[in-house]
Amino acid sequence: MNNILKQIKELNLIYDKITANYSLIAKKNNLSHNSLMVLYVLYDYENCTQKFISETLQLPKSTVHSILKEFISKNILTLENNNKNKKEKFIRLTDFGSNYINSVINEVIQIESKALKQLGDDDLFRFVNLNKKYCSFFSKEVKNYVNL
């Protein structure tokens, strides 16, 4: 196995471990992994729609719909008509939902922050910039591949 293949395998294992850790956080909060990721999107973006969440997380619309339905039943969010597009609805957090999401996601951010701080400022800066670079190069290669 050449060096690049070893590095790809190691990166994939790292990404899998990170995903598994988010799943553990989700489980601790009585959520599925996908539900936690939906909460994170709702935390990060205003005026979300089901389509936006599906595209952002690369989840089927039916999966996102089921998660949103569950959150509606738990009084976490409501749906509001979009006057510009009748087929889409905006997702609005209830007061309870806003408090709930802030509580859950702030805990996640605390965990992420503690982990990243251990890198130190210089390594953190390099880590973020190398990830940006890799993401850009990978996106370019994927676009070349899918446009064949």
N, C-alpha and C. Protein backbone atom coordinates (compact mmCIF):
# COMPACT_ATOMS: atom_id res chain seq x y z
N MET A 1 0.86 -1.18 0.00
CA MET A 1 0.00 0.00 0.00
C MET A 1 0.91 1.24 0.00
N ASN A 2 0.69 2.13 -0.95
CA ASN A 2 1.57 3.30 -0.98
C ASN A 2 1.14 4.33 0.06
N ASN A 3 1.96 5.34 0.25
CA ASN A 3 1.78 6.32 1.32
C ASN A 3 0.42 7.03 1.26
N ILE A 4 0.00 7.44 0.08
CA ILE A 4 -1.27 8.19 -0.03
C ILE A 4 -2.45 7.31 0.39
N LEU A 5 -2.42 6.03 0.02
CA LEU A 5 -3.51 5.12 0.42
C LEU A 5 -3.54 4.92 1.92
N LYS A 6 -2.37 4.84 2.54
CA LYS A 6 -2.31 4.73 4.01
C LYS A 6 -2.91 5.98 4.66
N GLN A 7 -2.60 7.13 4.10
CA GLN A 7 -3.11 8.39 4.64
C GLN A 7 -4.62 8.50 4.45
N ILE A 8 -5.12 8.06 3.30
CA ILE A 8 -6.57 8.07 3.05
C ILE A 8 -7.27 7.16 4.07
N LYS A 9 -6.70 5.98 4.27
CA LYS A 9 -7.30 5.04 5.24
C LYS A 9 -7.32 5.66 6.64
N GLU A 10 -6.20 6.29 7.02
CA GLU A 10 -6.13 6.92 8.34
C GLU A 10 -7.14 8.06 8.47
N LEU A 11 -7.24 8.89 7.42
CA LEU A 11 -8.23 9.97 7.45
C LEU A 11 -9.64 9.44 7.59
N ASN A 12 -9.96 8.39 6.84
CA ASN A 12 -11.30 7.81 6.93
C ASN A 12 -11.59 7.28 8.33
N LEU A 13 -10.59 6.65 8.95
CA LEU A 13 -10.77 6.17 10.32
C LEU A 13 -10.99 7.34 11.29
N ILE A 14 -10.26 8.43 11.08
CA ILE A 14 -10.42 9.62 11.92
C ILE A 14 -11.83 10.18 11.77
N TYR A 15 -12.28 10.32 10.51
CA TYR A 15 -13.63 10.86 10.27
C TYR A 15 -14.69 9.95 10.89
N ASP A 16 -14.47 8.63 10.78
CA ASP A 16 -15.42 7.68 11.38
C ASP A 16 -15.47 7.83 12.90
N LYS A 17 -14.31 8.02 13.54
CA LYS A 17 -14.27 8.19 15.00
C LYS A 17 -14.94 9.50 15.41
N ILE A 18 -14.74 10.55 14.64
CA ILE A 18 -15.39 11.83 14.95
C ILE A 18 -16.90 11.67 14.85
N THR A 19 -17.36 11.02 13.78
CA THR A 19 -18.80 10.78 13.60
C THR A 19 -19.34 9.93 14.75
N ALA A 20 -18.59 8.92 15.15
CA ALA A 20 -19.02 8.07 16.26
C ALA A 20 -19.13 8.87 17.56
N ASN A 21 -18.22 9.82 17.76
CA ASN A 21 -18.29 10.65 18.96
C ASN A 21 -19.52 11.56 18.94
N TYR A 22 -19.86 12.11 17.79
CA TYR A 22 -21.10 12.89 17.70
C TYR A 22 -22.31 12.00 17.98
N SER A 23 -22.24 10.75 17.55
CA SER A 23 -23.34 9.82 17.83
C SER A 23 -23.46 9.55 19.33
N LEU A 24 -22.32 9.47 20.02
CA LEU A 24 -22.36 9.30 21.49
C LEU A 24 -22.99 10.52 22.17
N ILE A 25 -22.65 11.70 21.69
CA ILE A 25 -23.25 12.92 22.24
C ILE A 25 -24.75 12.90 22.00
N ALA A 26 -25.14 12.50 20.79
CA ALA A 26 -26.57 12.43 20.46
C ALA A 26 -27.28 11.47 21.40
N LYS A 27 -26.70 10.29 21.57
CA LYS A 27 -27.30 9.27 22.44
C LYS A 27 -27.46 9.78 23.87
N LYS A 28 -26.44 10.48 24.37
CA LYS A 28 -26.49 11.05 25.72
C LYS A 28 -27.67 12.02 25.87
N ASN A 29 -28.05 12.65 24.74
CA ASN A 29 -29.16 13.61 24.74
C ASN A 29 -30.46 13.00 24.22
N ASN A 30 -30.50 11.65 24.18
CA ASN A 30 -31.69 10.92 23.69
C ASN A 30 -32.08 11.34 22.27
N LEU A 31 -31.08 11.50 21.44
CA LEU A 31 -31.29 11.87 20.04
C LEU A 31 -30.58 10.86 19.14
N SER A 32 -31.03 10.79 17.90
CA SER A 32 -30.26 10.05 16.90
C SER A 32 -29.15 10.97 16.40
N HIS A 33 -28.17 10.39 15.75
CA HIS A 33 -27.09 11.19 15.16
C HIS A 33 -27.66 12.24 14.21
N ASN A 34 -28.57 11.80 13.32
CA ASN A 34 -29.15 12.73 12.34
C ASN A 34 -29.95 13.84 13.02
N SER A 35 -30.66 13.51 14.09
CA SER A 35 -31.42 14.54 14.81
C SER A 35 -30.50 15.59 15.40
N LEU A 36 -29.37 15.14 15.95
CA LEU A 36 -28.40 16.09 16.49
C LEU A 36 -27.86 17.00 15.39
N MET A 37 -27.58 16.42 14.23
CA MET A 37 -27.06 17.23 13.12
C MET A 37 -28.10 18.24 12.63
N VAL A 38 -29.37 17.84 12.62
CA VAL A 38 -30.44 18.78 12.26
C VAL A 38 -30.49 19.92 13.27
N LEU A 39 -30.39 19.60 14.56
CA LEU A 39 -30.37 20.64 15.59
C LEU A 39 -29.20 21.60 15.36
N TYR A 40 -28.06 21.06 14.99
CA TYR A 40 -26.88 21.91 14.76
C TYR A 40 -27.12 22.86 13.59
N VAL A 41 -27.75 22.38 12.53
CA VAL A 41 -28.07 23.25 11.39
C VAL A 41 -29.06 24.32 11.82
N LEU A 42 -30.07 23.94 12.59
CA LEU A 42 -31.05 24.93 13.07
C LEU A 42 -30.39 25.96 13.98
N TYR A 43 -29.39 25.54 14.72
CA TYR A 43 -28.64 26.45 15.59
C TYR A 43 -27.82 27.45 14.75
N ASP A 44 -27.22 26.94 13.68
CA ASP A 44 -26.30 27.76 12.88
C ASP A 44 -26.98 28.68 11.86
N TYR A 45 -28.17 28.33 11.40
CA TYR A 45 -28.80 29.07 10.30
C TYR A 45 -30.22 29.49 10.65
N GLU A 46 -30.58 30.69 10.21
CA GLU A 46 -31.96 31.16 10.34
C GLU A 46 -32.70 30.88 9.03
N ASN A 47 -33.99 30.92 9.08
CA ASN A 47 -34.84 30.72 7.90
C ASN A 47 -34.54 29.41 7.17
N CYS A 48 -34.38 28.36 7.95
CA CYS A 48 -34.14 27.04 7.37
C CYS A 48 -35.43 26.48 6.79
N THR A 49 -35.24 25.68 5.76
CA THR A 49 -36.34 24.89 5.21
C THR A 49 -35.90 23.43 5.25
N GLN A 50 -36.85 22.54 5.05
CA GLN A 50 -36.52 21.11 5.00
C GLN A 50 -35.52 20.85 3.88
N LYS A 51 -35.73 21.50 2.74
CA LYS A 51 -34.83 21.32 1.59
C LYS A 51 -33.41 21.76 1.94
N PHE A 52 -33.28 22.90 2.61
CA PHE A 52 -31.96 23.41 2.99
C PHE A 52 -31.24 22.42 3.91
N ILE A 53 -31.96 21.89 4.89
CA ILE A 53 -31.36 20.93 5.81
C ILE A 53 -30.95 19.66 5.07
N SER A 54 -31.83 19.18 4.18
CA SER A 54 -31.52 17.98 3.40
C SER A 54 -30.26 18.17 2.57
N GLU A 55 -30.15 19.32 1.93
CA GLU A 55 -28.98 19.59 1.09
C GLU A 55 -27.72 19.79 1.93
N THR A 56 -27.85 20.50 3.04
CA THR A 56 -26.70 20.77 3.90
C THR A 56 -26.12 19.49 4.49
N LEU A 57 -26.99 18.62 4.97
CA LEU A 57 -26.55 17.39 5.63
C LEU A 57 -26.49 16.19 4.69
N GLN A 58 -26.94 16.38 3.44
CA GLN A 58 -27.00 15.28 2.48
C GLN A 58 -27.82 14.12 3.02
N LEU A 59 -28.98 14.47 3.58
CA LEU A 59 -29.92 13.48 4.08
C LEU A 59 -31.15 13.47 3.19
N PRO A 60 -31.80 12.32 3.03
CA PRO A 60 -33.05 12.30 2.26
C PRO A 60 -34.10 13.22 2.89
N LYS A 61 -34.91 13.84 2.04
CA LYS A 61 -35.97 14.71 2.56
C LYS A 61 -36.89 13.96 3.51
N SER A 62 -37.12 12.68 3.24
CA SER A 62 -38.01 11.91 4.10
C SER A 62 -37.42 11.76 5.51
N THR A 63 -36.12 11.61 5.60
CA THR A 63 -35.47 11.51 6.91
C THR A 63 -35.61 12.83 7.67
N VAL A 64 -35.32 13.93 6.98
CA VAL A 64 -35.45 15.25 7.61
C VAL A 64 -36.90 15.50 8.00
N HIS A 65 -37.83 15.13 7.15
CA HIS A 65 -39.25 15.31 7.44
C HIS A 65 -39.64 14.57 8.72
N SER A 66 -39.18 13.33 8.85
CA SER A 66 -39.49 12.54 10.06
C SER A 66 -38.91 13.19 11.31
N ILE A 67 -37.69 13.69 11.20
CA ILE A 67 -37.05 14.35 12.35
C ILE A 67 -37.83 15.62 12.71
N LEU A 68 -38.19 16.41 11.71
CA LEU A 68 -38.94 17.65 11.97
C LEU A 68 -40.30 17.35 12.57
N LYS A 69 -40.94 16.30 12.09
CA LYS A 69 -42.25 15.90 12.63
C LYS A 69 -42.12 15.56 14.12
N GLU A 70 -41.05 14.84 14.46
CA GLU A 70 -40.82 14.49 15.86
C GLU A 70 -40.59 15.75 16.69
N PHE A 71 -39.80 16.68 16.16
CA PHE A 71 -39.52 17.93 16.87
C PHE A 71 -40.78 18.78 17.03
N ILE A 72 -41.66 18.74 16.05
CA ILE A 72 -42.94 19.46 16.16
C ILE A 72 -43.76 18.85 17.29
N SER A 73 -43.80 17.53 17.36
CA SER A 73 -44.58 16.84 18.40
C SER A 73 -44.03 17.13 19.81
N LYS A 74 -42.74 17.46 19.88
CA LYS A 74 -42.11 17.78 21.17
C LYS A 74 -42.08 19.28 21.45
N ASN A 75 -42.80 20.05 20.63
CA ASN A 75 -42.91 21.50 20.79
C ASN A 75 -41.56 22.22 20.66
N ILE A 76 -40.66 21.66 19.86
CA ILE A 76 -39.36 22.27 19.63
C ILE A 76 -39.43 23.28 18.50
N LEU A 77 -40.28 22.99 17.51
CA LEU A 77 -40.38 23.89 16.36
C LEU A 77 -41.77 23.88 15.76
N THR A 78 -42.00 24.85 14.91
CA THR A 78 -43.22 24.93 14.12
C THR A 78 -42.81 25.21 12.67
N LEU A 79 -43.77 25.07 11.78
CA LEU A 79 -43.53 25.38 10.37
C LEU A 79 -44.34 26.61 10.00
N GLU A 80 -43.73 27.48 9.22
CA GLU A 80 -44.36 28.74 8.82
C GLU A 80 -44.36 28.84 7.30
N ASN A 81 -45.47 29.28 6.73
CA ASN A 81 -45.56 29.40 5.28
C ASN A 81 -44.49 30.34 4.74
N ASN A 82 -43.98 29.99 3.57
CA ASN A 82 -43.03 30.82 2.84
C ASN A 82 -43.81 31.51 1.73
N ASN A 83 -43.97 32.80 1.82
CA ASN A 83 -44.78 33.54 0.84
C ASN A 83 -44.18 33.52 -0.56
N LYS A 84 -42.86 33.32 -0.65
CA LYS A 84 -42.19 33.30 -1.95
C LYS A 84 -42.27 31.94 -2.63
N ASN A 85 -42.44 30.89 -1.84
CA ASN A 85 -42.50 29.54 -2.39
C ASN A 85 -43.49 28.73 -1.56
N LYS A 86 -44.65 28.49 -2.12
CA LYS A 86 -45.72 27.81 -1.39
C LYS A 86 -45.37 26.35 -1.05
N LYS A 87 -44.41 25.76 -1.78
CA LYS A 87 -44.05 24.37 -1.53
C LYS A 87 -43.12 24.23 -0.32
N GLU A 88 -42.47 25.31 0.06
CA GLU A 88 -41.53 25.25 1.18
C GLU A 88 -42.08 26.00 2.38
N LYS A 89 -41.70 25.52 3.54
CA LYS A 89 -42.07 26.20 4.78
C LYS A 89 -40.81 26.49 5.57
N PHE A 90 -40.82 27.62 6.26
CA PHE A 90 -39.70 27.96 7.13
C PHE A 90 -39.87 27.23 8.45
N ILE A 91 -38.77 26.84 9.01
CA ILE A 91 -38.77 26.17 10.31
C ILE A 91 -38.53 27.25 11.36
N ARG A 92 -39.42 27.32 12.33
CA ARG A 92 -39.31 28.31 13.40
C ARG A 92 -39.24 27.58 14.73
N LEU A 93 -38.29 28.00 15.54
CA LEU A 93 -38.16 27.42 16.88
C LEU A 93 -39.19 28.03 17.82
N THR A 94 -39.74 27.20 18.66
CA THR A 94 -40.59 27.72 19.74
C THR A 94 -39.64 28.26 20.82
N ASP A 95 -40.18 28.95 21.79
CA ASP A 95 -39.34 29.41 22.91
C ASP A 95 -38.67 28.21 23.58
N PHE A 96 -39.48 27.17 23.82
CA PHE A 96 -38.93 25.95 24.39
C PHE A 96 -37.84 25.37 23.50
N GLY A 97 -38.11 25.32 22.20
CA GLY A 97 -37.16 24.77 21.23
C GLY A 97 -35.86 25.56 21.19
N SER A 98 -35.96 26.86 21.26
CA SER A 98 -34.77 27.71 21.26
C SER A 98 -33.90 27.42 22.48
N ASN A 99 -34.55 27.32 23.63
CA ASN A 99 -33.82 26.99 24.86
C ASN A 99 -33.21 25.59 24.79
N TYR A 100 -33.99 24.66 24.25
CA TYR A 100 -33.53 23.26 24.14
C TYR A 100 -32.31 23.17 23.22
N ILE A 101 -32.41 23.76 22.05
CA ILE A 101 -31.30 23.71 21.08
C ILE A 101 -30.07 24.40 21.65
N ASN A 102 -30.26 25.56 22.25
CA ASN A 102 -29.11 26.25 22.85
C ASN A 102 -28.44 25.38 23.90
N SER A 103 -29.24 24.72 24.72
CA SER A 103 -28.70 23.86 25.76
C SER A 103 -27.89 22.71 25.16
N VAL A 104 -28.47 21.99 24.21
CA VAL A 104 -27.80 20.83 23.62
C VAL A 104 -26.58 21.25 22.81
N ILE A 105 -26.75 22.21 21.92
CA ILE A 105 -25.65 22.57 21.02
C ILE A 105 -24.54 23.31 21.76
N ASN A 106 -24.88 24.09 22.77
CA ASN A 106 -23.82 24.73 23.55
C ASN A 106 -22.95 23.70 24.26
N GLU A 107 -23.54 22.59 24.69
CA GLU A 107 -22.75 21.50 25.28
C GLU A 107 -21.81 20.91 24.23
N VAL A 108 -22.32 20.71 23.02
CA VAL A 108 -21.49 20.18 21.94
C VAL A 108 -20.34 21.15 21.64
N ILE A 109 -20.65 22.43 21.57
CA ILE A 109 -19.63 23.44 21.28
C ILE A 109 -18.58 23.46 22.39
N GLN A 110 -19.01 23.28 23.62
CA GLN A 110 -18.05 23.22 24.73
C GLN A 110 -17.08 22.06 24.54
N ILE A 111 -17.61 20.90 24.18
CA ILE A 111 -16.78 19.72 23.95
C ILE A 111 -15.81 19.97 22.79
N GLU A 112 -16.35 20.50 21.69
CA GLU A 112 -15.51 20.81 20.53
C GLU A 112 -14.42 21.82 20.89
N SER A 113 -14.80 22.84 21.64
CA SER A 113 -13.85 23.89 22.03
C SER A 113 -12.74 23.33 22.91
N LYS A 114 -13.11 22.51 23.89
CA LYS A 114 -12.09 21.92 24.77
C LYS A 114 -11.11 21.08 23.97
N ALA A 115 -11.62 20.32 23.03
CA ALA A 115 -10.75 19.47 22.20
C ALA A 115 -9.83 20.32 21.32
N LEU A 116 -10.39 21.32 20.68
CA LEU A 116 -9.60 22.16 19.78
C LEU A 116 -8.57 23.01 20.52
N LYS A 117 -8.92 23.47 21.71
CA LYS A 117 -7.97 24.28 22.50
C LYS A 117 -6.71 23.49 22.83
N GLN A 118 -6.84 22.17 22.94
CA GLN A 118 -5.69 21.34 23.25
C GLN A 118 -4.65 21.34 22.13
N LEU A 119 -5.06 21.77 20.94
CA LEU A 119 -4.11 21.86 19.83
C LEU A 119 -3.18 23.05 20.00
N GLY A 120 -3.63 24.06 20.71
CA GLY A 120 -2.86 25.31 20.79
C GLY A 120 -3.20 26.18 19.59
N ASP A 121 -2.94 27.46 19.72
CA ASP A 121 -3.35 28.42 18.69
C ASP A 121 -2.72 28.15 17.32
N ASP A 122 -1.42 27.90 17.29
CA ASP A 122 -0.74 27.70 16.01
C ASP A 122 -1.22 26.45 15.29
N ASP A 123 -1.30 25.32 16.02
CA ASP A 123 -1.77 24.08 15.40
C ASP A 123 -3.24 24.19 15.00
N LEU A 124 -4.04 24.86 15.81
CA LEU A 124 -5.45 25.04 15.47
C LEU A 124 -5.59 25.83 14.17
N PHE A 125 -4.84 26.90 14.04
CA PHE A 125 -4.86 27.70 12.81
C PHE A 125 -4.47 26.84 11.61
N ARG A 126 -3.39 26.07 11.74
CA ARG A 126 -2.93 25.20 10.65
C ARG A 126 -3.98 24.11 10.36
N PHE A 127 -4.54 23.54 11.42
CA PHE A 127 -5.55 22.49 11.28
C PHE A 127 -6.75 22.99 10.46
N VAL A 128 -7.26 24.15 10.83
CA VAL A 128 -8.41 24.71 10.12
C VAL A 128 -8.05 25.02 8.67
N ASN A 129 -6.91 25.64 8.47
CA ASN A 129 -6.52 26.00 7.11
C ASN A 129 -6.21 24.79 6.24
N LEU A 130 -5.60 23.77 6.79
CA LEU A 130 -5.37 22.54 6.02
C LEU A 130 -6.69 21.85 5.68
N ASN A 131 -7.64 21.87 6.60
CA ASN A 131 -8.95 21.29 6.31
C ASN A 131 -9.68 22.08 5.22
N LYS A 132 -9.58 23.40 5.26
CA LYS A 132 -10.18 24.23 4.20
C LYS A 132 -9.57 23.88 2.85
N LYS A 133 -8.23 23.77 2.84
CA LYS A 133 -7.51 23.45 1.61
C LYS A 133 -7.94 22.09 1.08
N TYR A 134 -7.94 21.08 1.96
CA TYR A 134 -8.34 19.74 1.56
C TYR A 134 -9.78 19.74 1.03
N CYS A 135 -10.66 20.43 1.73
CA CYS A 135 -12.07 20.50 1.31
C CYS A 135 -12.17 21.11 -0.09
N SER A 136 -11.43 22.16 -0.33
CA SER A 136 -11.44 22.81 -1.63
C SER A 136 -10.92 21.88 -2.73
N PHE A 137 -9.78 21.23 -2.48
CA PHE A 137 -9.20 20.31 -3.47
C PHE A 137 -10.11 19.12 -3.70
N PHE A 138 -10.66 18.57 -2.62
CA PHE A 138 -11.54 17.41 -2.73
C PHE A 138 -12.80 17.78 -3.51
N SER A 139 -13.38 18.95 -3.21
CA SER A 139 -14.58 19.41 -3.93
C SER A 139 -14.30 19.54 -5.42
N LYS A 140 -13.14 20.09 -5.74
CA LYS A 140 -12.75 20.25 -7.16
C LYS A 140 -12.66 18.89 -7.85
N GLU A 141 -12.03 17.92 -7.18
CA GLU A 141 -11.89 16.59 -7.75
C GLU A 141 -13.24 15.88 -7.90
N VAL A 142 -14.12 16.07 -6.93
CA VAL A 142 -15.45 15.46 -7.01
C VAL A 142 -16.24 16.08 -8.16
N LYS A 143 -16.15 17.41 -8.31
CA LYS A 143 -16.84 18.06 -9.44
C LYS A 143 -16.32 17.54 -10.76
N ASN A 144 -15.02 17.37 -10.88
CA ASN A 144 -14.44 16.79 -12.11
C ASN A 144 -14.97 15.38 -12.34
N TYR A 145 -15.08 14.61 -11.29
CA TYR A 145 -15.53 13.24 -11.38
C TYR A 145 -17.00 13.15 -11.79
N VAL A 146 -17.86 13.94 -11.16
CA VAL A 146 -19.31 13.83 -11.44
C VAL A 146 -19.68 14.48 -12.77
N ASN A 147 -18.84 15.33 -13.28
CA ASN A 147 -19.12 15.99 -14.57
C ASN A 147 -18.50 15.25 -15.75
N LEU A 148 -18.03 14.03 -15.51
CA LEU A 148 -17.42 13.26 -16.60
C LEU A 148 -18.40 12.95 -17.71
